[in-house]
């Protein structure tokens, strides 16, 4: 009986030690992701974009331009209209890294996959969204390459820099059910904002 108790205590201790030792590794990884975006102070919170958006499976189809102001995950204005409940707000929250760095988010490592010919590592974010969202990062530069969420997969590319702010200028969304694209988004201009324009209300 004494041996069983000692083994049980030792097992619990080792499990606790392993969990504790894994936590700093995850924090370090998130820290590298944020550093690759030029630091937390450069993460987008409120910003304006001019975007060309094409909905459909034809990559040659000319998209329509629109100007939006975003404050993810809660707000996205097109003109003066707030979009209301809209999953795209959470996608924007993901690529701006807000979902990953929010203290209320639960982040865990998931298995590596191959994306665009590269081995990428994955992090799953839950607690602040339902269902959980899977984010995949380039192992070479810690930049976000892909988001898997709900029934879609989103590939991000053509990272650019504006006033020290990093952002993916291109995103293509695919349906997981058939692997076909269903939208193409190109950010033509991006401007970080320090305050909400007067004509808009939260």
C-alpha atoms as a PDB file:
ATOM      1  CA  UNK A   1       0.000   0.000   0.000  1.00  0.00           C
ATOM      2  CA  UNK A   2       2.816   2.366   0.929  1.00  0.00           C
ATOM      3  CA  UNK A   3       4.543   1.610  -2.398  1.00  0.00           C
ATOM      4  CA  UNK A   4       1.305   2.365  -4.311  1.00  0.00           C
ATOM      5  CA  UNK A   5       0.891   5.690  -2.507  1.00  0.00           C
ATOM      6  CA  UNK A   6       4.498   6.676  -3.187  1.00  0.00           C
ATOM      7  CA  UNK A   7       4.152   5.784  -6.867  1.00  0.00           C
ATOM      8  CA  UNK A   8       0.919   7.753  -7.129  1.00  0.00           C
ATOM      9  CA  UNK A   9       2.465  10.812  -5.492  1.00  0.00           C
ATOM     10  CA  UNK A  10       5.513  10.558  -7.726  1.00  0.00           C
ATOM     11  CA  UNK A  11       3.316  10.231 -10.809  1.00  0.00           C
ATOM     12  CA  UNK A  12       1.264  13.309  -9.904  1.00  0.00           C
ATOM     13  CA  UNK A  13       4.438  15.256  -9.177  1.00  0.00           C
ATOM     14  CA  UNK A  14       5.989  14.332 -12.524  1.00  0.00           C
ATOM     15  CA  UNK A  15       2.799  15.187 -14.422  1.00  0.00           C
ATOM     16  CA  UNK A  16       2.671  18.546 -12.707  1.00  0.00           C
ATOM     17  CA  UNK A  17       6.317  19.172 -13.477  1.00  0.00           C
ATOM     18  CA  UNK A  18       5.814  18.278 -17.151  1.00  0.00           C
ATOM     19  CA  UNK A  19       2.813  20.569 -17.457  1.00  0.00           C
ATOM     20  CA  UNK A  20       4.689  23.382 -15.772  1.00  0.00           C
ATOM     21  CA  UNK A  21       7.748  22.934 -17.974  1.00  0.00           C
ATOM     22  CA  UNK A  22       5.608  22.913 -21.142  1.00  0.00           C
ATOM     23  CA  UNK A  23       3.934  26.216 -20.270  1.00  0.00           C
ATOM     24  CA  UNK A  24       7.038  28.410 -20.679  1.00  0.00           C
ATOM     25  CA  UNK A  25       7.705  26.785 -24.087  1.00  0.00           C
ATOM     26  CA  UNK A  26       4.257  27.814 -25.304  1.00  0.00           C
ATOM     27  CA  UNK A  27       4.694  31.321 -23.920  1.00  0.00           C
ATOM     28  CA  UNK A  28       8.064  31.528 -25.642  1.00  0.00           C
ATOM     29  CA  UNK A  29       6.527  30.480 -28.938  1.00  0.00           C
ATOM     30  CA  UNK A  30       3.770  33.089 -28.654  1.00  0.00           C
ATOM     31  CA  UNK A  31       6.422  35.644 -27.743  1.00  0.00           C
ATOM     32  CA  UNK A  32       8.313  34.837 -30.955  1.00  0.00           C
ATOM     33  CA  UNK A  33       5.126  35.226 -32.989  1.00  0.00           C
ATOM     34  CA  UNK A  34       4.494  38.643 -31.459  1.00  0.00           C
ATOM     35  CA  UNK A  35       8.139  39.625 -31.939  1.00  0.00           C
ATOM     36  CA  UNK A  36       7.885  38.669 -35.628  1.00  0.00           C
ATOM     37  CA  UNK A  37       5.042  41.207 -35.821  1.00  0.00           C
ATOM     38  CA  UNK A  38       7.417  43.869 -34.405  1.00  0.00           C
ATOM     39  CA  UNK A  39       6.120  43.616 -30.835  1.00  0.00           C
ATOM     40  CA  UNK A  40       2.827  43.870 -28.994  1.00  0.00           C
ATOM     41  CA  UNK A  41       2.679  47.665 -29.302  1.00  0.00           C
ATOM     42  CA  UNK A  42       2.510  47.234 -33.100  1.00  0.00           C
ATOM     43  CA  UNK A  43      -0.405  44.786 -33.094  1.00  0.00           C
ATOM     44  CA  UNK A  44      -3.439  46.232 -34.834  1.00  0.00           C
ATOM     45  CA  UNK A  45      -6.356  47.143 -32.582  1.00  0.00           C
ATOM     46  CA  UNK A  46      -8.195  49.767 -34.645  1.00  0.00           C
ATOM     47  CA  UNK A  47      -7.452  50.298 -38.322  1.00  0.00           C
ATOM     48  CA  UNK A  48      -8.749  51.204 -41.770  1.00  0.00           C
ATOM     49  CA  UNK A  49      -8.282  49.093 -44.893  1.00  0.00           C
ATOM     50  CA  UNK A  50      -8.993  49.535 -48.564  1.00  0.00           C
ATOM     51  CA  UNK A  51      -9.611  46.062 -49.879  1.00  0.00           C
ATOM     52  CA  UNK A  52     -10.422  44.338 -53.151  1.00  0.00           C
ATOM     53  CA  UNK A  53     -12.803  41.445 -52.525  1.00  0.00           C
ATOM     54  CA  UNK A  54     -13.981  38.835 -55.010  1.00  0.00           C
ATOM     55  CA  UNK A  55     -16.528  36.214 -53.951  1.00  0.00           C
ATOM     56  CA  UNK A  56     -16.590  33.024 -55.985  1.00  0.00           C
ATOM     57  CA  UNK A  57     -14.204  30.350 -57.222  1.00  0.00           C
ATOM     58  CA  UNK A  58     -12.724  32.230 -60.199  1.00  0.00           C
ATOM     59  CA  UNK A  59      -9.301  33.702 -59.309  1.00  0.00           C
ATOM     60  CA  UNK A  60      -9.393  35.854 -62.451  1.00  0.00           C
ATOM     61  CA  UNK A  61     -12.668  37.552 -61.515  1.00  0.00           C
ATOM     62  CA  UNK A  62     -12.221  41.257 -60.848  1.00  0.00           C
ATOM     63  CA  UNK A  63     -13.023  42.080 -57.242  1.00  0.00           C
ATOM     64  CA  UNK A  64     -14.921  45.053 -55.878  1.00  0.00           C
ATOM     65  CA  UNK A  65     -13.181  47.620 -53.728  1.00  0.00           C
ATOM     66  CA  UNK A  66     -14.471  48.532 -50.294  1.00  0.00           C
ATOM     67  CA  UNK A  67     -13.206  50.609 -47.391  1.00  0.00           C
ATOM     68  CA  UNK A  68     -13.627  49.247 -43.887  1.00  0.00           C
ATOM     69  CA  UNK A  69     -12.720  50.231 -40.348  1.00  0.00           C
ATOM     70  CA  UNK A  70     -12.069  47.312 -38.040  1.00  0.00           C
ATOM     71  CA  UNK A  71     -11.829  46.915 -34.285  1.00  0.00           C
ATOM     72  CA  UNK A  72     -11.869  43.129 -33.947  1.00  0.00           C
ATOM     73  CA  UNK A  73     -13.448  41.029 -32.662  1.00  0.00           C
ATOM     74  CA  UNK A  74     -16.381  43.297 -31.831  1.00  0.00           C
ATOM     75  CA  UNK A  75     -16.634  45.848 -34.635  1.00  0.00           C
ATOM     76  CA  UNK A  76     -16.321  46.086 -38.417  1.00  0.00           C
ATOM     77  CA  UNK A  77     -17.737  49.084 -40.254  1.00  0.00           C
ATOM     78  CA  UNK A  78     -18.219  49.315 -44.015  1.00  0.00           C
ATOM     79  CA  UNK A  79     -18.924  52.963 -44.635  1.00  0.00           C
ATOM     80  CA  UNK A  80     -21.002  53.947 -41.611  1.00  0.00           C
ATOM     81  CA  UNK A  81     -22.666  50.543 -41.274  1.00  0.00           C
ATOM     82  CA  UNK A  82     -21.561  48.180 -38.516  1.00  0.00           C
ATOM     83  CA  UNK A  83     -21.773  44.620 -39.837  1.00  0.00           C
ATOM     84  CA  UNK A  84     -23.281  43.085 -36.706  1.00  0.00           C
ATOM     85  CA  UNK A  85     -22.685  39.360 -36.036  1.00  0.00           C
ATOM     86  CA  UNK A  86     -20.018  38.425 -38.573  1.00  0.00           C
ATOM     87  CA  UNK A  87     -17.497  35.534 -38.429  1.00  0.00           C
ATOM     88  CA  UNK A  88     -14.977  37.568 -40.449  1.00  0.00           C
ATOM     89  CA  UNK A  89     -14.443  39.756 -37.375  1.00  0.00           C
ATOM     90  CA  UNK A  90     -12.848  36.773 -35.641  1.00  0.00           C
ATOM     91  CA  UNK A  91     -10.665  36.037 -38.659  1.00  0.00           C
ATOM     92  CA  UNK A  92      -9.370  39.607 -38.515  1.00  0.00           C
ATOM     93  CA  UNK A  93      -8.835  39.167 -34.782  1.00  0.00           C
ATOM     94  CA  UNK A  94      -6.745  36.100 -35.567  1.00  0.00           C
ATOM     95  CA  UNK A  95      -4.439  37.593 -38.189  1.00  0.00           C
ATOM     96  CA  UNK A  96      -3.886  40.702 -36.063  1.00  0.00           C
ATOM     97  CA  UNK A  97      -2.876  38.231 -33.294  1.00  0.00           C
ATOM     98  CA  UNK A  98      -5.441  39.675 -30.890  1.00  0.00           C
ATOM     99  CA  UNK A  99      -7.102  36.299 -30.400  1.00  0.00           C
ATOM    100  CA  UNK A 100      -3.760  34.688 -29.615  1.00  0.00           C
ATOM    101  CA  UNK A 101      -2.655  37.304 -27.080  1.00  0.00           C
ATOM    102  CA  UNK A 102      -5.981  37.929 -25.317  1.00  0.00           C
ATOM    103  CA  UNK A 103      -5.607  36.875 -21.643  1.00  0.00           C
ATOM    104  CA  UNK A 104      -8.992  35.127 -21.824  1.00  0.00           C
ATOM    105  CA  UNK A 105      -7.906  32.897 -24.716  1.00  0.00           C
ATOM    106  CA  UNK A 106      -6.851  29.315 -24.045  1.00  0.00           C
ATOM    107  CA  UNK A 107      -3.950  28.379 -26.326  1.00  0.00           C
ATOM    108  CA  UNK A 108      -2.593  24.877 -26.901  1.00  0.00           C
ATOM    109  CA  UNK A 109      -0.174  23.303 -29.358  1.00  0.00           C
ATOM    110  CA  UNK A 110      -1.534  21.043 -32.110  1.00  0.00           C
ATOM    111  CA  UNK A 111       0.356  18.760 -34.525  1.00  0.00           C
ATOM    112  CA  UNK A 112       2.421  20.190 -37.352  1.00  0.00           C
ATOM    113  CA  UNK A 113       1.090  19.987 -40.917  1.00  0.00           C
ATOM    114  CA  UNK A 114       2.409  20.691 -44.410  1.00  0.00           C
ATOM    115  CA  UNK A 115       1.142  23.934 -45.909  1.00  0.00           C
ATOM    116  CA  UNK A 116       2.271  25.342 -49.265  1.00  0.00           C
ATOM    117  CA  UNK A 117       5.217  22.943 -49.280  1.00  0.00           C
ATOM    118  CA  UNK A 118       6.354  23.918 -45.787  1.00  0.00           C
ATOM    119  CA  UNK A 119       6.109  22.216 -42.419  1.00  0.00           C
ATOM    120  CA  UNK A 120       4.145  24.599 -40.189  1.00  0.00           C
ATOM    121  CA  UNK A 121       3.367  24.456 -36.487  1.00  0.00           C
ATOM    122  CA  UNK A 122      -0.116  24.897 -35.100  1.00  0.00           C
ATOM    123  CA  UNK A 123      -1.774  26.596 -32.149  1.00  0.00           C
ATOM    124  CA  UNK A 124      -5.419  26.132 -31.188  1.00  0.00           C
ATOM    125  CA  UNK A 125      -7.282  29.072 -29.656  1.00  0.00           C
ATOM    126  CA  UNK A 126     -10.413  28.491 -27.576  1.00  0.00           C
ATOM    127  CA  UNK A 127     -12.231  30.130 -24.690  1.00  0.00           C
ATOM    128  CA  UNK A 128     -12.828  33.380 -26.570  1.00  0.00           C
ATOM    129  CA  UNK A 129     -14.507  31.807 -29.601  1.00  0.00           C
ATOM    130  CA  UNK A 130     -16.639  28.802 -30.426  1.00  0.00           C
ATOM    131  CA  UNK A 131     -15.676  26.564 -32.095  1.00  0.00           C
ATOM    132  CA  UNK A 132     -11.930  26.711 -31.403  1.00  0.00           C
ATOM    133  CA  UNK A 133      -9.730  28.133 -34.153  1.00  0.00           C
ATOM    134  CA  UNK A 134      -6.534  26.541 -35.470  1.00  0.00           C
ATOM    135  CA  UNK A 135      -3.678  28.839 -36.493  1.00  0.00           C
ATOM    136  CA  UNK A 136      -0.658  27.604 -38.454  1.00  0.00           C
ATOM    137  CA  UNK A 137       2.667  29.452 -38.515  1.00  0.00           C
ATOM    138  CA  UNK A 138       5.754  29.357 -40.693  1.00  0.00           C
ATOM    139  CA  UNK A 139       8.582  27.712 -38.740  1.00  0.00           C
ATOM    140  CA  UNK A 140      11.160  29.965 -40.404  1.00  0.00           C
ATOM    141  CA  UNK A 141       9.711  33.396 -39.599  1.00  0.00           C
ATOM    142  CA  UNK A 142       6.794  32.716 -37.173  1.00  0.00           C
ATOM    143  CA  UNK A 143       4.272  34.396 -39.480  1.00  0.00           C
ATOM    144  CA  UNK A 144       0.700  33.199 -39.753  1.00  0.00           C
ATOM    145  CA  UNK A 145       0.116  31.189 -42.935  1.00  0.00           C
ATOM    146  CA  UNK A 146      -3.242  29.542 -42.443  1.00  0.00           C
ATOM    147  CA  UNK A 147      -6.396  29.673 -40.344  1.00  0.00           C
ATOM    148  CA  UNK A 148      -8.734  26.684 -40.045  1.00  0.00           C
ATOM    149  CA  UNK A 149     -12.078  27.601 -38.530  1.00  0.00           C
ATOM    150  CA  UNK A 150     -15.624  26.348 -38.789  1.00  0.00           C
ATOM    151  CA  UNK A 151     -16.057  24.899 -42.287  1.00  0.00           C
ATOM    152  CA  UNK A 152     -13.359  26.977 -43.977  1.00  0.00           C
ATOM    153  CA  UNK A 153      -9.615  27.191 -44.460  1.00  0.00           C
ATOM    154  CA  UNK A 154      -7.964  30.582 -45.055  1.00  0.00           C
ATOM    155  CA  UNK A 155      -4.504  30.945 -46.602  1.00  0.00           C
ATOM    156  CA  UNK A 156      -2.633  34.169 -45.866  1.00  0.00           C
ATOM    157  CA  UNK A 157       0.340  35.482 -47.829  1.00  0.00           C
ATOM    158  CA  UNK A 158       2.188  38.533 -49.158  1.00  0.00           C
ATOM    159  CA  UNK A 159       3.034  39.945 -45.729  1.00  0.00           C
ATOM    160  CA  UNK A 160       3.735  43.673 -45.803  1.00  0.00           C
ATOM    161  CA  UNK A 161       4.766  46.372 -43.365  1.00  0.00           C
ATOM    162  CA  UNK A 162       3.204  49.788 -42.767  1.00  0.00           C
ATOM    163  CA  UNK A 163       4.705  52.056 -40.093  1.00  0.00           C
ATOM    164  CA  UNK A 164       6.133  49.003 -38.355  1.00  0.00           C
ATOM    165  CA  UNK A 165       2.816  47.125 -38.518  1.00  0.00           C
ATOM    166  CA  UNK A 166       2.897  43.711 -40.200  1.00  0.00           C
ATOM    167  CA  UNK A 167      -0.124  42.375 -42.063  1.00  0.00           C
ATOM    168  CA  UNK A 168      -0.979  39.750 -44.722  1.00  0.00           C
ATOM    169  CA  UNK A 169      -2.043  41.599 -47.862  1.00  0.00           C
ATOM    170  CA  UNK A 170      -3.616  38.523 -49.431  1.00  0.00           C
ATOM    171  CA  UNK A 171      -6.095  35.961 -48.120  1.00  0.00           C
ATOM    172  CA  UNK A 172      -7.900  33.197 -50.005  1.00  0.00           C
ATOM    173  CA  UNK A 173     -10.721  31.272 -48.361  1.00  0.00           C
ATOM    174  CA  UNK A 174     -11.452  27.623 -49.185  1.00  0.00           C
ATOM    175  CA  UNK A 175     -14.310  25.301 -48.329  1.00  0.00           C
ATOM    176  CA  UNK A 176     -13.031  22.294 -46.399  1.00  0.00           C
ATOM    177  CA  UNK A 177     -15.749  20.121 -47.925  1.00  0.00           C
ATOM    178  CA  UNK A 178     -14.378  20.354 -51.474  1.00  0.00           C
ATOM    179  CA  UNK A 179     -11.091  22.263 -51.211  1.00  0.00           C
ATOM    180  CA  UNK A 180     -12.311  24.924 -53.655  1.00  0.00           C
ATOM    181  CA  UNK A 181     -11.753  28.662 -53.112  1.00  0.00           C
ATOM    182  CA  UNK A 182     -14.796  30.795 -52.420  1.00  0.00           C
ATOM    183  CA  UNK A 183     -13.320  34.267 -51.884  1.00  0.00           C
ATOM    184  CA  UNK A 184     -10.196  36.279 -52.670  1.00  0.00           C
ATOM    185  CA  UNK A 185      -9.203  39.293 -50.587  1.00  0.00           C
ATOM    186  CA  UNK A 186      -6.388  41.743 -51.293  1.00  0.00           C
ATOM    187  CA  UNK A 187      -5.590  44.591 -48.900  1.00  0.00           C
ATOM    188  CA  UNK A 188      -4.572  47.522 -51.074  1.00  0.00           C
ATOM    189  CA  UNK A 189      -4.029  50.029 -48.267  1.00  0.00           C
ATOM    190  CA  UNK A 190      -3.907  49.775 -44.483  1.00  0.00           C
ATOM    191  CA  UNK A 191      -3.818  52.577 -41.911  1.00  0.00           C
ATOM    192  CA  UNK A 192      -3.587  52.110 -38.128  1.00  0.00           C
ATOM    193  CA  UNK A 193      -5.940  54.463 -36.252  1.00  0.00           C
ATOM    194  CA  UNK A 194      -5.496  55.972 -32.805  1.00  0.00           C
ATOM    195  CA  UNK A 195      -9.194  56.736 -32.340  1.00  0.00           C
ATOM    196  CA  UNK A 196     -12.547  55.961 -33.891  1.00  0.00           C
ATOM    197  CA  UNK A 197     -13.713  58.486 -36.525  1.00  0.00           C
ATOM    198  CA  UNK A 198     -16.420  60.816 -35.215  1.00  0.00           C
ATOM    199  CA  UNK A 199     -19.051  59.598 -37.660  1.00  0.00           C
ATOM    200  CA  UNK A 200     -18.925  56.057 -36.267  1.00  0.00           C
ATOM    201  CA  UNK A 201     -20.343  54.740 -32.996  1.00  0.00           C
ATOM    202  CA  UNK A 202     -19.621  51.553 -31.111  1.00  0.00           C
END
